[in-house]
Amino acid sequence: MWSLYLVLGLIAGVFGGFLGIGGGSILIPALIYIFGLTQHEAQGTTLAIMVPPIGLLAAMRYYMAGNVKLSIALFVCVGFFIGGFFGAQLAHKIPDLLLRRIFGVFLLFVALRMILVK
């Protein structure tokens, strides 16, 4: 089974480096629908995956090409660190099915906006 997790990580890594996505759009649905995790487990596992510097090599490549705004990244990182704590507290107060539906609506909204808005 560990090899399937490794393949999932490789796929998410390729999409992360290519499109800047991975956690929400690749990992969470795969962990739920392929590996049978609950929404809460998938979100928690994805957050745990982000603890080590998983995006370091991809970010370095973008940085070398002049496509990283470090001043923005620093402040967003601090906000994410603090906001993640409060978001996790909120998520645990919501039933799994409702959380999954909220997540799906969010992805649908983002997808439609990306496709339809110039």
N, C-alpha and C. Protein backbone atom coordinates (compact mmCIF):
# COMPACT_ATOMS: atom_id res chain seq x y z
N MET A 1 0.82 -1.20 0.00
CA MET A 1 0.00 0.00 0.00
C MET A 1 0.86 1.26 0.00
N TRP A 2 2.03 1.18 0.62
CA TRP A 2 2.89 2.37 0.68
C TRP A 2 3.26 2.83 -0.71
N SER A 3 3.37 1.90 -1.68
CA SER A 3 3.74 2.30 -3.03
C SER A 3 2.63 3.14 -3.68
N LEU A 4 1.37 2.82 -3.36
CA LEU A 4 0.26 3.63 -3.89
C LEU A 4 0.28 5.03 -3.29
N TYR A 5 0.63 5.12 -2.02
CA TYR A 5 0.75 6.45 -1.39
C TYR A 5 1.89 7.25 -2.04
N LEU A 6 2.97 6.56 -2.35
CA LEU A 6 4.10 7.22 -3.02
C LEU A 6 3.69 7.72 -4.40
N VAL A 7 2.95 6.89 -5.14
CA VAL A 7 2.48 7.30 -6.47
C VAL A 7 1.55 8.51 -6.35
N LEU A 8 0.66 8.49 -5.35
CA LEU A 8 -0.22 9.64 -5.13
C LEU A 8 0.61 10.89 -4.85
N GLY A 9 1.64 10.76 -4.02
CA GLY A 9 2.52 11.89 -3.73
C GLY A 9 3.22 12.40 -4.97
N LEU A 10 3.67 11.48 -5.83
CA LEU A 10 4.33 11.88 -7.08
C LEU A 10 3.37 12.64 -7.99
N ILE A 11 2.15 12.12 -8.11
CA ILE A 11 1.14 12.79 -8.95
C ILE A 11 0.83 14.18 -8.40
N ALA A 12 0.60 14.26 -7.10
CA ALA A 12 0.31 15.56 -6.49
C ALA A 12 1.50 16.50 -6.64
N GLY A 13 2.70 15.96 -6.53
CA GLY A 13 3.90 16.78 -6.69
C GLY A 13 4.04 17.33 -8.09
N VAL A 14 3.77 16.49 -9.08
CA VAL A 14 3.85 16.95 -10.47
C VAL A 14 2.82 18.06 -10.71
N PHE A 15 1.58 17.84 -10.26
CA PHE A 15 0.56 18.88 -10.43
C PHE A 15 0.88 20.11 -9.60
N GLY A 16 1.46 19.91 -8.43
CA GLY A 16 1.86 21.04 -7.59
C GLY A 16 2.91 21.89 -8.28
N GLY A 17 3.91 21.24 -8.85
CA GLY A 17 4.94 21.98 -9.57
C GLY A 17 4.45 22.58 -10.86
N PHE A 18 3.53 21.89 -11.53
CA PHE A 18 3.04 22.34 -12.82
C PHE A 18 1.97 23.42 -12.71
N LEU A 19 1.00 23.23 -11.82
CA LEU A 19 -0.13 24.15 -11.72
C LEU A 19 -0.25 24.85 -10.37
N GLY A 20 0.62 24.52 -9.44
CA GLY A 20 0.55 25.13 -8.11
C GLY A 20 -0.59 24.57 -7.27
N ILE A 21 -1.04 23.36 -7.60
CA ILE A 21 -2.12 22.71 -6.86
C ILE A 21 -1.64 21.38 -6.32
N GLY A 22 -2.40 20.77 -5.49
CA GLY A 22 -2.02 19.46 -4.98
C GLY A 22 -2.86 19.04 -3.80
N GLY A 23 -2.77 19.78 -2.70
CA GLY A 23 -3.46 19.39 -1.48
C GLY A 23 -4.97 19.30 -1.63
N GLY A 24 -5.57 20.42 -1.92
CA GLY A 24 -7.03 20.45 -1.98
C GLY A 24 -7.61 19.77 -3.19
N SER A 25 -6.98 19.91 -4.31
CA SER A 25 -7.59 19.43 -5.54
C SER A 25 -7.16 18.03 -5.95
N ILE A 26 -6.05 17.55 -5.45
CA ILE A 26 -5.56 16.22 -5.82
C ILE A 26 -5.60 15.28 -4.61
N LEU A 27 -4.91 15.66 -3.56
CA LEU A 27 -4.74 14.77 -2.42
C LEU A 27 -6.04 14.47 -1.68
N ILE A 28 -6.81 15.48 -1.35
CA ILE A 28 -8.01 15.25 -0.55
C ILE A 28 -9.01 14.36 -1.29
N PRO A 29 -9.37 14.65 -2.54
CA PRO A 29 -10.29 13.73 -3.23
C PRO A 29 -9.72 12.31 -3.36
N ALA A 30 -8.43 12.18 -3.64
CA ALA A 30 -7.83 10.85 -3.79
C ALA A 30 -7.86 10.09 -2.47
N LEU A 31 -7.54 10.76 -1.38
CA LEU A 31 -7.55 10.10 -0.08
C LEU A 31 -8.96 9.64 0.30
N ILE A 32 -9.97 10.40 -0.10
CA ILE A 32 -11.36 10.03 0.21
C ILE A 32 -11.85 8.91 -0.71
N TYR A 33 -11.74 9.11 -2.01
CA TYR A 33 -12.39 8.21 -2.96
C TYR A 33 -11.55 7.00 -3.35
N ILE A 34 -10.26 7.07 -3.22
CA ILE A 34 -9.41 5.92 -3.55
C ILE A 34 -9.01 5.16 -2.29
N PHE A 35 -8.66 5.89 -1.23
CA PHE A 35 -8.13 5.25 -0.03
C PHE A 35 -9.14 5.17 1.12
N GLY A 36 -10.35 5.72 0.95
CA GLY A 36 -11.42 5.54 1.91
C GLY A 36 -11.35 6.36 3.18
N LEU A 37 -10.57 7.42 3.20
CA LEU A 37 -10.51 8.28 4.38
C LEU A 37 -11.76 9.12 4.47
N THR A 38 -12.08 9.58 5.67
CA THR A 38 -13.17 10.55 5.82
C THR A 38 -12.65 11.92 5.39
N GLN A 39 -13.56 12.87 5.23
CA GLN A 39 -13.14 14.23 4.88
C GLN A 39 -12.19 14.79 5.93
N HIS A 40 -12.52 14.59 7.20
CA HIS A 40 -11.66 15.08 8.28
C HIS A 40 -10.27 14.43 8.22
N GLU A 41 -10.24 13.11 8.01
CA GLU A 41 -8.96 12.41 7.94
C GLU A 41 -8.14 12.87 6.74
N ALA A 42 -8.80 13.07 5.60
CA ALA A 42 -8.10 13.52 4.39
C ALA A 42 -7.52 14.91 4.58
N GLN A 43 -8.29 15.80 5.17
CA GLN A 43 -7.79 17.16 5.41
C GLN A 43 -6.63 17.14 6.41
N GLY A 44 -6.78 16.39 7.49
CA GLY A 44 -5.71 16.32 8.48
C GLY A 44 -4.45 15.70 7.92
N THR A 45 -4.61 14.64 7.12
CA THR A 45 -3.45 13.99 6.51
C THR A 45 -2.76 14.92 5.53
N THR A 46 -3.54 15.65 4.74
CA THR A 46 -2.95 16.60 3.79
C THR A 46 -2.20 17.70 4.51
N LEU A 47 -2.75 18.19 5.60
CA LEU A 47 -2.04 19.21 6.38
C LEU A 47 -0.74 18.65 6.96
N ALA A 48 -0.77 17.39 7.40
CA ALA A 48 0.45 16.76 7.92
C ALA A 48 1.50 16.61 6.83
N ILE A 49 1.05 16.36 5.60
CA ILE A 49 1.96 16.23 4.46
C ILE A 49 2.70 17.54 4.23
N MET A 50 2.04 18.67 4.48
CA MET A 50 2.63 19.97 4.21
C MET A 50 3.64 20.41 5.26
N VAL A 51 3.74 19.68 6.38
CA VAL A 51 4.66 20.09 7.44
C VAL A 51 6.11 20.13 6.97
N PRO A 52 6.62 19.06 6.34
CA PRO A 52 7.98 19.20 5.82
C PRO A 52 7.97 20.12 4.60
N PRO A 53 9.11 20.58 4.21
CA PRO A 53 9.14 21.52 3.06
C PRO A 53 8.92 20.82 1.74
N ILE A 54 7.69 20.28 1.55
CA ILE A 54 7.43 19.48 0.35
C ILE A 54 7.52 20.27 -0.95
N GLY A 55 7.22 21.53 -0.88
CA GLY A 55 7.26 22.34 -2.10
C GLY A 55 8.59 23.02 -2.32
N LEU A 56 9.58 22.70 -1.51
CA LEU A 56 10.85 23.42 -1.55
C LEU A 56 11.51 23.38 -2.93
N LEU A 57 11.64 22.20 -3.52
CA LEU A 57 12.32 22.10 -4.82
C LEU A 57 11.54 22.82 -5.91
N ALA A 58 10.21 22.66 -5.91
CA ALA A 58 9.40 23.36 -6.92
C ALA A 58 9.48 24.87 -6.71
N ALA A 59 9.39 25.31 -5.45
CA ALA A 59 9.47 26.74 -5.15
C ALA A 59 10.83 27.30 -5.55
N MET A 60 11.91 26.54 -5.33
CA MET A 60 13.25 27.00 -5.73
C MET A 60 13.31 27.19 -7.24
N ARG A 61 12.68 26.29 -7.99
CA ARG A 61 12.68 26.39 -9.45
C ARG A 61 11.92 27.65 -9.89
N TYR A 62 10.78 27.89 -9.26
CA TYR A 62 10.01 29.10 -9.57
C TYR A 62 10.79 30.35 -9.16
N TYR A 63 11.48 30.29 -8.03
CA TYR A 63 12.28 31.42 -7.55
C TYR A 63 13.40 31.74 -8.54
N MET A 64 14.09 30.71 -9.02
CA MET A 64 15.20 30.90 -9.97
C MET A 64 14.70 31.53 -11.27
N ALA A 65 13.42 31.29 -11.60
CA ALA A 65 12.85 31.89 -12.81
C ALA A 65 12.26 33.27 -12.53
N GLY A 66 12.38 33.75 -11.28
CA GLY A 66 11.87 35.07 -10.93
C GLY A 66 10.37 35.11 -10.67
N ASN A 67 9.80 33.97 -10.35
CA ASN A 67 8.35 33.89 -10.18
C ASN A 67 7.90 33.65 -8.74
N VAL A 68 8.68 34.10 -7.77
CA VAL A 68 8.28 33.99 -6.37
C VAL A 68 8.38 35.37 -5.74
N LYS A 69 7.31 35.79 -5.11
CA LYS A 69 7.28 37.04 -4.35
C LYS A 69 7.48 36.68 -2.89
N LEU A 70 8.74 36.70 -2.42
CA LEU A 70 9.06 36.27 -1.06
C LEU A 70 8.35 37.07 0.01
N SER A 71 8.21 38.37 -0.21
CA SER A 71 7.53 39.20 0.80
C SER A 71 6.08 38.77 0.96
N ILE A 72 5.43 38.42 -0.12
CA ILE A 72 4.05 37.93 -0.04
C ILE A 72 4.03 36.56 0.61
N ALA A 73 4.91 35.67 0.18
CA ALA A 73 4.95 34.30 0.70
C ALA A 73 5.15 34.29 2.21
N LEU A 74 6.01 35.15 2.71
CA LEU A 74 6.28 35.19 4.14
C LEU A 74 5.03 35.53 4.95
N PHE A 75 4.32 36.59 4.54
CA PHE A 75 3.13 37.00 5.27
C PHE A 75 1.99 35.98 5.12
N VAL A 76 1.83 35.42 3.93
CA VAL A 76 0.81 34.40 3.74
C VAL A 76 1.14 33.17 4.59
N CYS A 77 2.40 32.81 4.68
CA CYS A 77 2.84 31.68 5.50
C CYS A 77 2.47 31.90 6.97
N VAL A 78 2.75 33.07 7.49
CA VAL A 78 2.41 33.38 8.88
C VAL A 78 0.89 33.32 9.08
N GLY A 79 0.15 33.91 8.15
CA GLY A 79 -1.31 33.87 8.23
C GLY A 79 -1.84 32.45 8.14
N PHE A 80 -1.28 31.65 7.26
CA PHE A 80 -1.69 30.26 7.10
C PHE A 80 -1.41 29.48 8.38
N PHE A 81 -0.29 29.73 8.99
CA PHE A 81 0.11 29.05 10.23
C PHE A 81 -0.93 29.30 11.32
N ILE A 82 -1.32 30.56 11.49
CA ILE A 82 -2.29 30.92 12.53
C ILE A 82 -3.71 30.53 12.10
N GLY A 83 -4.06 30.85 10.87
CA GLY A 83 -5.40 30.54 10.37
C GLY A 83 -5.67 29.05 10.32
N GLY A 84 -4.66 28.26 10.03
CA GLY A 84 -4.83 26.81 9.99
C GLY A 84 -5.29 26.24 11.31
N PHE A 85 -4.80 26.80 12.39
CA PHE A 85 -5.20 26.36 13.73
C PHE A 85 -6.69 26.59 13.94
N PHE A 86 -7.15 27.81 13.62
CA PHE A 86 -8.56 28.14 13.83
C PHE A 86 -9.46 27.40 12.84
N GLY A 87 -9.00 27.24 11.60
CA GLY A 87 -9.78 26.48 10.62
C GLY A 87 -9.95 25.03 11.02
N ALA A 88 -8.90 24.44 11.59
CA ALA A 88 -8.98 23.04 12.04
C ALA A 88 -9.96 22.92 13.20
N GLN A 89 -9.97 23.90 14.09
CA GLN A 89 -10.94 23.86 15.19
C GLN A 89 -12.37 23.92 14.65
N LEU A 90 -12.61 24.78 13.68
CA LEU A 90 -13.94 24.91 13.09
C LEU A 90 -14.34 23.63 12.36
N ALA A 91 -13.42 23.04 11.59
CA ALA A 91 -13.72 21.83 10.82
C ALA A 91 -14.18 20.69 11.70
N HIS A 92 -13.63 20.58 12.89
CA HIS A 92 -13.99 19.47 13.78
C HIS A 92 -15.36 19.64 14.43
N LYS A 93 -15.97 20.78 14.23
CA LYS A 93 -17.32 21.01 14.75
C LYS A 93 -18.38 20.72 13.69
N ILE A 94 -17.96 20.39 12.48
CA ILE A 94 -18.87 20.19 11.35
C ILE A 94 -18.92 18.69 11.02
N PRO A 95 -20.10 18.12 10.81
CA PRO A 95 -20.19 16.71 10.42
C PRO A 95 -19.45 16.44 9.10
N ASP A 96 -18.94 15.23 8.96
CA ASP A 96 -18.11 14.87 7.81
C ASP A 96 -18.80 15.13 6.47
N LEU A 97 -20.04 14.70 6.30
CA LEU A 97 -20.74 14.88 5.03
C LEU A 97 -20.91 16.36 4.70
N LEU A 98 -21.27 17.17 5.67
CA LEU A 98 -21.41 18.60 5.43
C LEU A 98 -20.07 19.22 5.05
N LEU A 99 -19.01 18.83 5.73
CA LEU A 99 -17.68 19.35 5.41
C LEU A 99 -17.29 18.98 3.99
N ARG A 100 -17.58 17.74 3.57
CA ARG A 100 -17.27 17.30 2.21
C ARG A 100 -18.05 18.12 1.20
N ARG A 101 -19.31 18.41 1.49
CA ARG A 101 -20.13 19.20 0.57
C ARG A 101 -19.63 20.64 0.48
N ILE A 102 -19.25 21.21 1.60
CA ILE A 102 -18.68 22.57 1.60
C ILE A 102 -17.42 22.58 0.75
N PHE A 103 -16.58 21.58 0.93
CA PHE A 103 -15.34 21.46 0.16
C PHE A 103 -15.65 21.36 -1.34
N GLY A 104 -16.62 20.53 -1.70
CA GLY A 104 -17.00 20.36 -3.10
C GLY A 104 -17.54 21.63 -3.72
N VAL A 105 -18.38 22.34 -3.00
CA VAL A 105 -18.92 23.61 -3.50
C VAL A 105 -17.80 24.61 -3.70
N PHE A 106 -16.86 24.65 -2.77
CA PHE A 106 -15.72 25.55 -2.91
C PHE A 106 -14.93 25.23 -4.18
N LEU A 107 -14.62 23.95 -4.40
CA LEU A 107 -13.88 23.56 -5.61
C LEU A 107 -14.67 23.89 -6.87
N LEU A 108 -15.98 23.67 -6.84
CA LEU A 108 -16.82 23.99 -7.99
C LEU A 108 -16.80 25.49 -8.28
N PHE A 109 -16.94 26.30 -7.25
CA PHE A 109 -16.90 27.75 -7.41
C PHE A 109 -15.57 28.19 -8.03
N VAL A 110 -14.47 27.67 -7.49
CA VAL A 110 -13.15 28.04 -8.01
C VAL A 110 -13.01 27.59 -9.46
N ALA A 111 -13.46 26.38 -9.75
CA ALA A 111 -13.35 25.86 -11.13
C ALA A 111 -14.14 26.73 -12.11
N LEU A 112 -15.38 27.04 -11.76
CA LEU A 112 -16.20 27.87 -12.64
C LEU A 112 -15.61 29.26 -12.85
N ARG A 113 -15.09 29.81 -11.77
CA ARG A 113 -14.48 31.14 -11.87
C ARG A 113 -13.24 31.11 -12.77
N MET A 114 -12.43 30.08 -12.61
CA MET A 114 -11.21 29.95 -13.43
C MET A 114 -11.56 29.78 -14.91
N ILE A 115 -12.64 29.06 -15.18
CA ILE A 115 -13.03 28.78 -16.57
C ILE A 115 -13.76 29.97 -17.21
N LEU A 116 -14.63 30.63 -16.46
CA LEU A 116 -15.51 31.62 -17.05
C LEU A 116 -15.06 33.08 -16.94
N VAL A 117 -14.25 33.40 -15.95
CA VAL A 117 -13.86 34.81 -15.75
C VAL A 117 -12.51 35.06 -16.42
N LYS A 118 -12.45 36.15 -17.13
CA LYS A 118 -11.24 36.51 -17.87
C LYS A 118 -10.13 36.92 -16.97
